[in-house]
Amino acid sequence: MMCLGRPKKGEEARRREQLLEHAVRLFAEHGYSNLSLETIAREARVSLRTIYRQFGGKAELFGAVIRHFSDLFVATLPLDPAQAKPIEDILVDFAREYLFRLTRPEMIRLCTQMQGETRQFPCLAAEFYSQGPERTLRRLAQFFAVHQKTGRIAALDPDFLAGQFIGCLRGEWFHRLQYGLAATPGEAEIETRSRQAVDLFLRGCLTAAG
């Protein structure tokens, strides 16, 4: 006998993730102002009511999309100082995930779309920044602060360290990707860039105890 009703938690989480994946692709293709919730619902094969129930509206859905992707970076940065993994390995894990997600064509297009719509939707720009870059930087700063207490990271402003590390990862290369002057990197290139950036960064802030 088939059991009908609300999906189980695991199934509901999977459907939510699929909806967010559809949403990021559509926001990247159409921009924010030109995309309707009806289009998202149709492409994701969910009801409009489901979107309103889970997110509240288009602005909230957009914020959830950005937060979903920043969750993937943030999850690689444990704040437990007893974490057995070396700092270098943790930062490489973060860098690998960050660069892979950030350099996908749909994310490049989404960032470009955002730059064109910030004047019309200043609140949207604030939402994008708070749920994405700001949240990621805050977690990195917390991570560095934890390891400063153990004496493994130099006593510099953790916020400064977070900004410098992200800058080291992105560099001029990311601008070339945005302008279509560089190809989407594969796993091997991302691995190389991640390790080189982490090595360069830690040479400047890792203590002898690190």
Protein backbone atom coordinates (compact mmCIF):
# COMPACT_ATOMS: atom_id res chain seq x y z
CA MET A 1 0.00 0.00 0.00
CA MET A 2 1.44 3.36 -1.03
CA CYS A 3 1.82 5.84 1.82
CA LEU A 4 0.99 9.40 0.87
CA GLY A 5 1.78 12.49 2.86
CA ARG A 6 4.55 14.95 3.55
CA PRO A 7 8.06 13.84 2.53
CA LYS A 8 10.44 12.61 5.20
CA LYS A 9 13.14 14.98 6.47
CA GLY A 10 15.84 13.49 4.24
CA GLU A 11 13.64 13.67 1.17
CA GLU A 12 12.54 17.19 2.03
CA ALA A 13 16.16 18.32 2.38
CA ARG A 14 17.01 16.75 -0.99
CA ARG A 15 14.09 18.50 -2.68
CA ARG A 16 15.07 21.80 -1.11
CA GLU A 17 18.63 21.41 -2.39
CA GLN A 18 17.34 20.61 -5.88
CA LEU A 19 15.15 23.71 -5.78
CA LEU A 20 18.13 25.86 -4.79
CA GLU A 21 20.22 24.35 -7.60
CA HIS A 22 17.53 25.23 -10.12
CA ALA A 23 17.19 28.71 -8.62
CA VAL A 24 20.89 29.57 -8.86
CA ARG A 25 20.96 28.50 -12.51
CA LEU A 26 17.89 30.59 -13.32
CA PHE A 27 19.10 33.66 -11.41
CA ALA A 28 22.39 33.37 -13.30
CA GLU A 29 20.64 33.09 -16.67
CA HIS A 30 17.93 35.73 -16.23
CA GLY A 31 19.09 38.00 -13.44
CA TYR A 32 16.96 38.91 -10.46
CA SER A 33 14.53 41.42 -11.94
CA ASN A 34 13.71 39.35 -15.04
CA LEU A 35 13.05 36.10 -13.19
CA SER A 36 9.66 35.20 -11.76
CA LEU A 37 8.89 32.72 -9.02
CA GLU A 38 6.50 31.05 -11.45
CA THR A 39 9.44 30.24 -13.73
CA ILE A 40 11.47 28.84 -10.84
CA ALA A 41 8.53 26.73 -9.67
CA ARG A 42 7.97 25.35 -13.16
CA GLU A 43 11.63 24.51 -13.77
CA ALA A 44 12.07 22.96 -10.33
CA ARG A 45 8.74 21.12 -10.63
CA VAL A 46 7.39 22.42 -7.35
CA SER A 47 4.33 24.46 -6.53
CA LEU A 48 4.49 28.22 -6.07
CA ARG A 49 2.98 27.62 -2.66
CA THR A 50 5.96 25.46 -1.71
CA ILE A 51 8.37 28.29 -2.50
CA TYR A 52 6.37 30.80 -0.48
CA ARG A 53 6.06 28.34 2.41
CA GLN A 54 9.77 27.53 2.54
CA PHE A 55 11.27 30.91 1.71
CA GLY A 56 8.64 33.65 1.83
CA GLY A 57 9.36 35.31 -1.52
CA LYS A 58 11.90 35.91 -4.27
CA ALA A 59 14.30 38.01 -2.18
CA GLU A 60 14.35 35.40 0.57
CA LEU A 61 14.86 32.61 -1.97
CA PHE A 62 17.80 34.50 -3.45
CA GLY A 63 19.34 34.88 0.00
CA ALA A 64 18.84 31.17 0.65
CA VAL A 65 20.62 30.33 -2.63
CA ILE A 66 23.68 32.34 -1.62
CA ARG A 67 23.67 30.95 1.91
CA HIS A 68 23.39 27.40 0.56
CA PHE A 69 26.64 27.81 -1.36
CA SER A 70 28.47 29.57 1.47
CA ASP A 71 27.43 26.66 3.73
CA LEU A 72 29.60 24.41 1.57
CA PHE A 73 32.71 26.54 2.26
CA VAL A 74 31.96 27.20 5.92
CA ALA A 75 31.49 23.49 6.68
CA THR A 76 35.17 22.86 5.92
CA LEU A 77 36.34 25.17 8.74
CA PRO A 78 35.97 23.47 12.15
CA LEU A 79 36.22 25.76 15.17
CA ASP A 80 37.38 23.04 17.54
CA PRO A 81 41.03 23.75 18.46
CA ALA A 82 41.47 20.05 19.21
CA GLN A 83 40.90 19.25 15.54
CA ALA A 84 43.67 16.79 14.70
CA LYS A 85 43.96 17.84 11.07
CA PRO A 86 46.82 20.28 10.33
CA ILE A 87 45.85 23.90 9.61
CA GLU A 88 47.33 23.62 6.13
CA ASP A 89 45.10 20.66 5.24
CA ILE A 90 41.98 22.40 6.57
CA LEU A 91 42.70 25.53 4.55
CA VAL A 92 43.38 23.48 1.42
CA ASP A 93 40.02 21.75 1.89
CA PHE A 94 38.36 25.15 2.19
CA ALA A 95 40.23 26.58 -0.78
CA ARG A 96 39.39 23.61 -2.97
CA GLU A 97 35.66 23.84 -2.18
CA TYR A 98 35.61 27.62 -2.43
CA LEU A 99 37.37 27.80 -5.78
CA PHE A 100 35.38 24.96 -7.29
CA ARG A 101 32.02 26.53 -6.38
CA LEU A 102 33.01 30.10 -7.15
CA THR A 103 34.42 29.36 -10.59
CA ARG A 104 31.48 27.37 -11.97
CA PRO A 105 29.96 29.18 -14.98
CA GLU A 106 26.61 29.72 -13.25
CA MET A 107 28.29 31.41 -10.27
CA ILE A 108 30.41 33.60 -12.52
CA ARG A 109 27.26 34.67 -14.37
CA LEU A 110 25.42 35.25 -11.09
CA CYS A 111 28.17 37.55 -9.81
CA THR A 112 28.11 39.44 -13.10
CA GLN A 113 24.32 39.76 -12.95
CA MET A 114 24.56 41.11 -9.41
CA GLN A 115 26.96 43.84 -10.44
CA GLY A 116 24.45 45.02 -13.03
CA GLU A 117 21.47 45.05 -10.66
CA THR A 118 22.89 46.56 -7.48
CA ARG A 119 21.72 50.10 -8.27
CA GLN A 120 18.17 48.98 -8.91
CA PHE A 121 18.11 46.61 -5.94
CA PRO A 122 20.51 47.90 -3.24
CA CYS A 123 18.88 45.66 -0.61
CA LEU A 124 19.59 42.67 -2.84
CA ALA A 125 23.27 43.57 -2.95
CA ALA A 126 23.32 43.72 0.85
CA GLU A 127 21.64 40.30 1.04
CA PHE A 128 24.11 38.82 -1.43
CA TYR A 129 27.07 40.15 0.53
CA SER A 130 25.79 39.20 3.99
CA GLN A 131 24.81 35.64 3.05
CA GLY A 132 27.88 34.98 0.91
CA PRO A 133 31.17 36.90 1.20
CA GLU A 134 30.59 38.39 4.66
CA ARG A 135 29.51 35.09 6.18
CA THR A 136 32.50 33.30 4.67
CA LEU A 137 34.93 35.96 5.89
CA ARG A 138 33.44 35.86 9.38
CA ARG A 139 33.90 32.10 9.62
CA LEU A 140 37.48 32.35 8.39
CA ALA A 141 38.20 35.06 10.96
CA GLN A 142 36.76 32.84 13.70
CA PHE A 143 38.90 29.96 12.49
CA PHE A 144 42.07 32.06 12.57
CA ALA A 145 41.18 33.46 16.01
CA VAL A 146 40.80 29.93 17.40
CA HIS A 147 44.25 28.98 16.18
CA GLN A 148 45.77 32.23 17.41
CA LYS A 149 44.77 31.17 20.93
CA THR A 150 46.75 27.97 20.49
CA GLY A 151 49.75 29.96 19.28
CA ARG A 152 49.79 28.49 15.78
CA ILE A 153 48.72 31.62 13.89
CA ALA A 154 50.45 35.00 14.30
CA ALA A 155 48.67 37.61 16.42
CA LEU A 156 47.30 39.70 13.56
CA ASP A 157 43.73 40.98 13.18
CA PRO A 158 41.70 37.85 12.28
CA ASP A 159 39.45 39.89 9.98
CA PHE A 160 42.53 41.13 8.14
CA LEU A 161 43.82 37.58 7.81
CA ALA A 162 40.48 36.38 6.43
CA GLY A 163 40.41 39.11 3.80
CA GLN A 164 44.00 38.48 2.79
CA PHE A 165 43.41 34.75 2.42
CA ILE A 166 40.36 35.22 0.20
CA GLY A 167 42.30 37.77 -1.85
CA CYS A 168 45.11 35.27 -2.23
CA LEU A 169 42.68 32.65 -3.54
CA ARG A 170 40.87 34.87 -6.01
CA GLY A 171 43.53 37.28 -7.21
CA GLU A 172 43.53 38.74 -10.69
CA TRP A 173 42.61 35.32 -12.05
CA PHE A 174 39.01 35.64 -10.88
CA HIS A 175 38.60 38.92 -12.79
CA ARG A 176 39.80 37.16 -15.93
CA LEU A 177 37.17 34.46 -15.36
CA GLN A 178 34.46 37.11 -14.98
CA TYR A 179 35.49 38.75 -18.24
CA GLY A 180 35.56 35.43 -20.07
CA LEU A 181 39.33 35.67 -20.58
CA ALA A 182 40.11 32.43 -18.75
CA ALA A 183 38.63 28.96 -19.06
CA THR A 184 36.67 27.31 -16.26
CA PRO A 185 39.32 25.49 -14.20
CA GLY A 186 39.28 21.74 -13.82
CA GLU A 187 40.03 19.77 -10.66
CA ALA A 188 43.78 19.66 -11.28
CA GLU A 189 44.10 23.43 -11.69
CA ILE A 190 41.94 24.08 -8.63
CA GLU A 191 44.06 21.69 -6.58
CA THR A 192 47.28 23.40 -7.67
CA ARG A 193 45.95 26.91 -7.03
CA SER A 194 44.55 25.90 -3.66
CA ARG A 195 47.84 24.46 -2.42
CA GLN A 196 49.93 27.32 -3.80
CA ALA A 197 47.67 29.97 -2.22
CA VAL A 198 47.61 28.23 1.16
CA ASP A 199 51.38 27.75 1.13
CA LEU A 200 51.99 31.40 0.27
CA PHE A 201 49.49 32.63 2.87
CA LEU A 202 50.81 30.48 5.71
CA ARG A 203 54.39 31.57 5.06
CA GLY A 204 53.26 35.00 6.24
CA CYS A 205 51.24 34.09 9.34
CA LEU A 206 52.10 30.62 10.62
CA THR A 207 54.20 30.62 13.79
CA ALA A 208 56.95 28.16 14.64
CA ALA A 209 54.40 26.30 16.76
CA GLY A 210 52.06 25.92 13.78
